[in-house]
Amino acid sequence: MIGFLLGAGVGYVLGAKAGRGRYDQIMRTYRRIADHPAVQGAAGIARAKLGKG
């Protein structure tokens, strides 16, 4: 538990230092990947398999 809290704290500090510009860059990249047709198809297949569970 202590390791998790320490990791979260370090991540927060590093993220704060990176600033809003870096956050926006990461989010643009995430959205571009998440919106890709191949990723959408794989997500649909995964949802279908999990739904059959």
PDB file of N, CA and C in Angstrom:
ATOM      1  N   MET A   1       0.830  -1.191   0.000  1.00  0.00           N
ATOM      2  CA  MET A   1       0.000   0.000   0.000  1.00  0.00           C
ATOM      3  C   MET A   1       0.875   1.256   0.000  1.00  0.00           C
ATOM      4  N   ILE A   2       1.951   1.203   0.778  1.00  0.00           N
ATOM      5  CA  ILE A   2       2.840   2.363   0.839  1.00  0.00           C
ATOM      6  C   ILE A   2       3.490   2.601  -0.522  1.00  0.00           C
ATOM      7  N   GLY A   3       3.863   1.521  -1.204  1.00  0.00           N
ATOM      8  CA  GLY A   3       4.468   1.644  -2.532  1.00  0.00           C
ATOM      9  C   GLY A   3       3.518   2.281  -3.527  1.00  0.00           C
ATOM     10  N   PHE A   4       2.239   1.910  -3.428  1.00  0.00           N
ATOM     11  CA  PHE A   4       1.242   2.495  -4.325  1.00  0.00           C
ATOM     12  C   PHE A   4       1.106   3.989  -4.079  1.00  0.00           C
ATOM     13  N   LEU A   5       1.015   4.373  -2.812  1.00  0.00           N
ATOM     14  CA  LEU A   5       0.873   5.797  -2.470  1.00  0.00           C
ATOM     15  C   LEU A   5       2.107   6.584  -2.890  1.00  0.00           C
ATOM     16  N   LEU A   6       3.278   5.992  -2.696  1.00  0.00           N
ATOM     17  CA  LEU A   6       4.504   6.646  -3.110  1.00  0.00           C
ATOM     18  C   LEU A   6       4.528   6.820  -4.631  1.00  0.00           C
ATOM     19  N   GLY A   7       4.145   5.776  -5.362  1.00  0.00           N
ATOM     20  CA  GLY A   7       4.093   5.855  -6.822  1.00  0.00           C
ATOM     21  C   GLY A   7       3.100   6.886  -7.308  1.00  0.00           C
ATOM     22  N   ALA A   8       1.942   6.937  -6.657  1.00  0.00           N
ATOM     23  CA  ALA A   8       0.936   7.933  -7.032  1.00  0.00           C
ATOM     24  C   ALA A   8       1.449   9.340  -6.775  1.00  0.00           C
ATOM     25  N   GLY A   9       2.129   9.525  -5.665  1.00  0.00           N
ATOM     26  CA  GLY A   9       2.681  10.847  -5.349  1.00  0.00           C
ATOM     27  C   GLY A   9       3.740  11.274  -6.345  1.00  0.00           C
ATOM     28  N   VAL A  10       4.626  10.358  -6.691  1.00  0.00           N
ATOM     29  CA  VAL A  10       5.673  10.671  -7.671  1.00  0.00           C
ATOM     30  C   VAL A  10       5.042  10.974  -9.025  1.00  0.00           C
ATOM     31  N   GLY A  11       4.062  10.189  -9.419  1.00  0.00           N
ATOM     32  CA  GLY A  11       3.375  10.439 -10.686  1.00  0.00           C
ATOM     33  C   GLY A  11       2.695  11.797 -10.714  1.00  0.00           C
ATOM     34  N   TYR A  12       2.098  12.162  -9.594  1.00  0.00           N
ATOM     35  CA  TYR A  12       1.434  13.464  -9.508  1.00  0.00           C
ATOM     36  C   TYR A  12       2.445  14.605  -9.663  1.00  0.00           C
ATOM     37  N   VAL A  13       3.550  14.496  -8.949  1.00  0.00           N
ATOM     38  CA  VAL A  13       4.569  15.554  -9.012  1.00  0.00           C
ATOM     39  C   VAL A  13       5.148  15.660 -10.418  1.00  0.00           C
ATOM     40  N   LEU A  14       5.484  14.518 -11.017  1.00  0.00           N
ATOM     41  CA  LEU A  14       6.041  14.549 -12.375  1.00  0.00           C
ATOM     42  C   LEU A  14       5.020  15.080 -13.368  1.00  0.00           C
ATOM     43  N   GLY A  15       3.768  14.711 -13.205  1.00  0.00           N
ATOM     44  CA  GLY A  15       2.718  15.207 -14.080  1.00  0.00           C
ATOM     45  C   GLY A  15       2.529  16.708 -13.936  1.00  0.00           C
ATOM     46  N   ALA A  16       2.604  17.188 -12.718  1.00  0.00           N
ATOM     47  CA  ALA A  16       2.449  18.624 -12.482  1.00  0.00           C
ATOM     48  C   ALA A  16       3.600  19.398 -13.116  1.00  0.00           C
ATOM     49  N   LYS A  17       4.792  18.834 -13.062  1.00  0.00           N
ATOM     50  CA  LYS A  17       5.949  19.498 -13.663  1.00  0.00           C
ATOM     51  C   LYS A  17       5.852  19.499 -15.196  1.00  0.00           C
ATOM     52  N   ALA A  18       5.263  18.447 -15.753  1.00  0.00           N
ATOM     53  CA  ALA A  18       5.155  18.350 -17.211  1.00  0.00           C
ATOM     54  C   ALA A  18       4.232  19.424 -17.754  1.00  0.00           C
ATOM     55  N   GLY A  19       3.197  19.759 -17.005  1.00  0.00           N
ATOM     56  CA  GLY A  19       2.323  20.844 -17.405  1.00  0.00           C
ATOM     57  C   GLY A  19       1.171  20.426 -18.300  1.00  0.00           C
ATOM     58  N   ARG A  20       0.326  21.399 -18.557  1.00  0.00           N
ATOM     59  CA  ARG A  20      -0.892  21.180 -19.328  1.00  0.00           C
ATOM     60  C   ARG A  20      -0.599  20.820 -20.781  1.00  0.00           C
ATOM     61  N   GLY A  21       0.433  21.393 -21.349  1.00  0.00           N
ATOM     62  CA  GLY A  21       0.766  21.112 -22.746  1.00  0.00           C
ATOM     63  C   GLY A  21       1.062  19.642 -22.976  1.00  0.00           C
ATOM     64  N   ARG A  22       1.830  19.054 -22.079  1.00  0.00           N
ATOM     65  CA  ARG A  22       2.155  17.629 -22.202  1.00  0.00           C
ATOM     66  C   ARG A  22       0.907  16.783 -22.012  1.00  0.00           C
ATOM     67  N   TYR A  23       0.058  17.158 -21.051  1.00  0.00           N
ATOM     68  CA  TYR A  23      -1.198  16.437 -20.834  1.00  0.00           C
ATOM     69  C   TYR A  23      -2.040  16.458 -22.103  1.00  0.00           C
ATOM     70  N   ASP A  24      -2.163  17.623 -22.719  1.00  0.00           N
ATOM     71  CA  ASP A  24      -2.949  17.737 -23.947  1.00  0.00           C
ATOM     72  C   ASP A  24      -2.354  16.875 -25.057  1.00  0.00           C
ATOM     73  N   GLN A  25      -1.027  16.834 -25.141  1.00  0.00           N
ATOM     74  CA  GLN A  25      -0.368  16.010 -26.157  1.00  0.00           C
ATOM     75  C   GLN A  25      -0.675  14.527 -25.927  1.00  0.00           C
ATOM     76  N   ILE A  26      -0.608  14.083 -24.684  1.00  0.00           N
ATOM     77  CA  ILE A  26      -0.899  12.689 -24.364  1.00  0.00           C
ATOM     78  C   ILE A  26      -2.354  12.361 -24.695  1.00  0.00           C
ATOM     79  N   MET A  27      -3.271  13.255 -24.360  1.00  0.00           N
ATOM     80  CA  MET A  27      -4.690  13.012 -24.622  1.00  0.00           C
ATOM     81  C   MET A  27      -4.988  12.980 -26.120  1.00  0.00           C
ATOM     82  N   ARG A  28      -4.338  13.825 -26.910  1.00  0.00           N
ATOM     83  CA  ARG A  28      -4.531  13.790 -28.371  1.00  0.00           C
ATOM     84  C   ARG A  28      -4.082  12.449 -28.929  1.00  0.00           C
ATOM     85  N   THR A  29      -2.931  11.972 -28.455  1.00  0.00           N
ATOM     86  CA  THR A  29      -2.414  10.684 -28.911  1.00  0.00           C
ATOM     87  C   THR A  29      -3.358   9.555 -28.510  1.00  0.00           C
ATOM     88  N   TYR A  30      -3.839   9.591 -27.270  1.00  0.00           N
ATOM     89  CA  TYR A  30      -4.779   8.569 -26.791  1.00  0.00           C
ATOM     90  C   TYR A  30      -6.044   8.551 -27.643  1.00  0.00           C
ATOM     91  N   ARG A  31      -6.609   9.718 -27.908  1.00  0.00           N
ATOM     92  CA  ARG A  31      -7.845   9.782 -28.705  1.00  0.00           C
ATOM     93  C   ARG A  31      -7.616   9.290 -30.126  1.00  0.00           C
ATOM     94  N   ARG A  32      -6.451   9.633 -30.709  1.00  0.00           N
ATOM     95  CA  ARG A  32      -6.149   9.183 -32.070  1.00  0.00           C
ATOM     96  C   ARG A  32      -6.062   7.657 -32.118  1.00  0.00           C
ATOM     97  N   ILE A  33      -5.449   7.068 -31.109  1.00  0.00           N
ATOM     98  CA  ILE A  33      -5.342   5.611 -31.056  1.00  0.00           C
ATOM     99  C   ILE A  33      -6.698   4.981 -30.775  1.00  0.00           C
ATOM    100  N   ALA A  34      -7.433   5.519 -29.806  1.00  0.00           N
ATOM    101  CA  ALA A  34      -8.722   4.954 -29.411  1.00  0.00           C
ATOM    102  C   ALA A  34      -9.748   5.041 -30.542  1.00  0.00           C
ATOM    103  N   ASP A  35      -9.635   6.053 -31.399  1.00  0.00           N
ATOM    104  CA  ASP A  35     -10.590   6.231 -32.489  1.00  0.00           C
ATOM    105  C   ASP A  35     -10.208   5.458 -33.750  1.00  0.00           C
ATOM    106  N   HIS A  36      -9.060   4.813 -33.752  1.00  0.00           N
ATOM    107  CA  HIS A  36      -8.603   4.067 -34.931  1.00  0.00           C
ATOM    108  C   HIS A  36      -9.547   2.881 -35.154  1.00  0.00           C
ATOM    109  N   PRO A  37      -9.945   2.631 -36.413  1.00  0.00           N
ATOM    110  CA  PRO A  37     -10.888   1.541 -36.703  1.00  0.00           C
ATOM    111  C   PRO A  37     -10.426   0.167 -36.206  1.00  0.00           C
ATOM    112  N   ALA A  38      -9.144  -0.134 -36.292  1.00  0.00           N
ATOM    113  CA  ALA A  38      -8.658  -1.434 -35.834  1.00  0.00           C
ATOM    114  C   ALA A  38      -8.839  -1.592 -34.324  1.00  0.00           C
ATOM    115  N   VAL A  39      -8.598  -0.514 -33.598  1.00  0.00           N
ATOM    116  CA  VAL A  39      -8.763  -0.554 -32.144  1.00  0.00           C
ATOM    117  C   VAL A  39     -10.241  -0.685 -31.797  1.00  0.00           C
ATOM    118  N   GLN A  40     -11.084   0.026 -32.520  1.00  0.00           N
ATOM    119  CA  GLN A  40     -12.527  -0.064 -32.285  1.00  0.00           C
ATOM    120  C   GLN A  40     -13.021  -1.489 -32.520  1.00  0.00           C
ATOM    121  N   GLY A  41     -12.529  -2.103 -33.590  1.00  0.00           N
ATOM    122  CA  GLY A  41     -12.930  -3.479 -33.891  1.00  0.00           C
ATOM    123  C   GLY A  41     -12.487  -4.450 -32.811  1.00  0.00           C
ATOM    124  N   ALA A  42     -11.257  -4.306 -32.352  1.00  0.00           N
ATOM    125  CA  ALA A  42     -10.747  -5.183 -31.302  1.00  0.00           C
ATOM    126  C   ALA A  42     -11.529  -4.984 -30.006  1.00  0.00           C
ATOM    127  N   ALA A  43     -11.889  -3.740 -29.708  1.00  0.00           N
ATOM    128  CA  ALA A  43     -12.666  -3.467 -28.496  1.00  0.00           C
ATOM    129  C   ALA A  43     -14.043  -4.111 -28.590  1.00  0.00           C
ATOM    130  N   GLY A  44     -14.639  -4.065 -29.761  1.00  0.00           N
ATOM    131  CA  GLY A  44     -15.947  -4.686 -29.960  1.00  0.00           C
ATOM    132  C   GLY A  44     -15.887  -6.204 -29.770  1.00  0.00           C
ATOM    133  N   ILE A  45     -14.840  -6.808 -30.302  1.00  0.00           N
ATOM    134  CA  ILE A  45     -14.669  -8.260 -30.132  1.00  0.00           C
ATOM    135  C   ILE A  45     -14.462  -8.597 -28.659  1.00  0.00           C
ATOM    136  N   ALA A  46     -13.660  -7.818 -27.968  1.00  0.00           N
ATOM    137  CA  ALA A  46     -13.414  -8.070 -26.543  1.00  0.00           C
ATOM    138  C   ALA A  46     -14.698  -7.926 -25.731  1.00  0.00           C
ATOM    139  N   ARG A  47     -15.485  -6.890 -26.053  1.00  0.00           N
ATOM    140  CA  ARG A  47     -16.765  -6.701 -25.345  1.00  0.00           C
ATOM    141  C   ARG A  47     -17.704  -7.877 -25.580  1.00  0.00           C
ATOM    142  N   ALA A  48     -17.743  -8.372 -26.820  1.00  0.00           N
ATOM    143  CA  ALA A  48     -18.618  -9.491 -27.152  1.00  0.00           C
ATOM    144  C   ALA A  48     -18.181 -10.749 -26.389  1.00  0.00           C
ATOM    145  N   LYS A  49     -16.889 -10.994 -26.322  1.00  0.00           N
ATOM    146  CA  LYS A  49     -16.393 -12.176 -25.611  1.00  0.00           C
ATOM    147  C   LYS A  49     -16.661 -12.073 -24.110  1.00  0.00           C
ATOM    148  N   LEU A  50     -16.511 -10.890 -23.558  1.00  0.00           N
ATOM    149  CA  LEU A  50     -16.768 -10.698 -22.131  1.00  0.00           C
ATOM    150  C   LEU A  50     -18.258 -10.820 -21.831  1.00  0.00           C
ATOM    151  N   GLY A  51     -19.077 -10.383 -22.746  1.00  0.00           N
ATOM    152  CA  GLY A  51     -20.530 -10.457 -22.560  1.00  0.00           C
ATOM    153  C   GLY A  51     -21.036 -11.891 -22.563  1.00  0.00           C
ATOM    154  N   LYS A  52     -20.366 -12.764 -23.295  1.00  0.00           N
ATOM    155  CA  LYS A  52     -20.797 -14.170 -23.361  1.00  0.00           C
ATOM    156  C   LYS A  52     -20.453 -14.913 -22.084  1.00  0.00           C
ATOM    157  N   GLY A  53     -19.388 -14.428 -21.365  1.00  0.00           N
ATOM    158  CA  GLY A  53     -18.862 -14.995 -20.131  1.00  0.00           C
ATOM    159  C   GLY A  53     -19.655 -16.011 -19.525  1.00  0.00           C
TER     160      GLY A  53
END
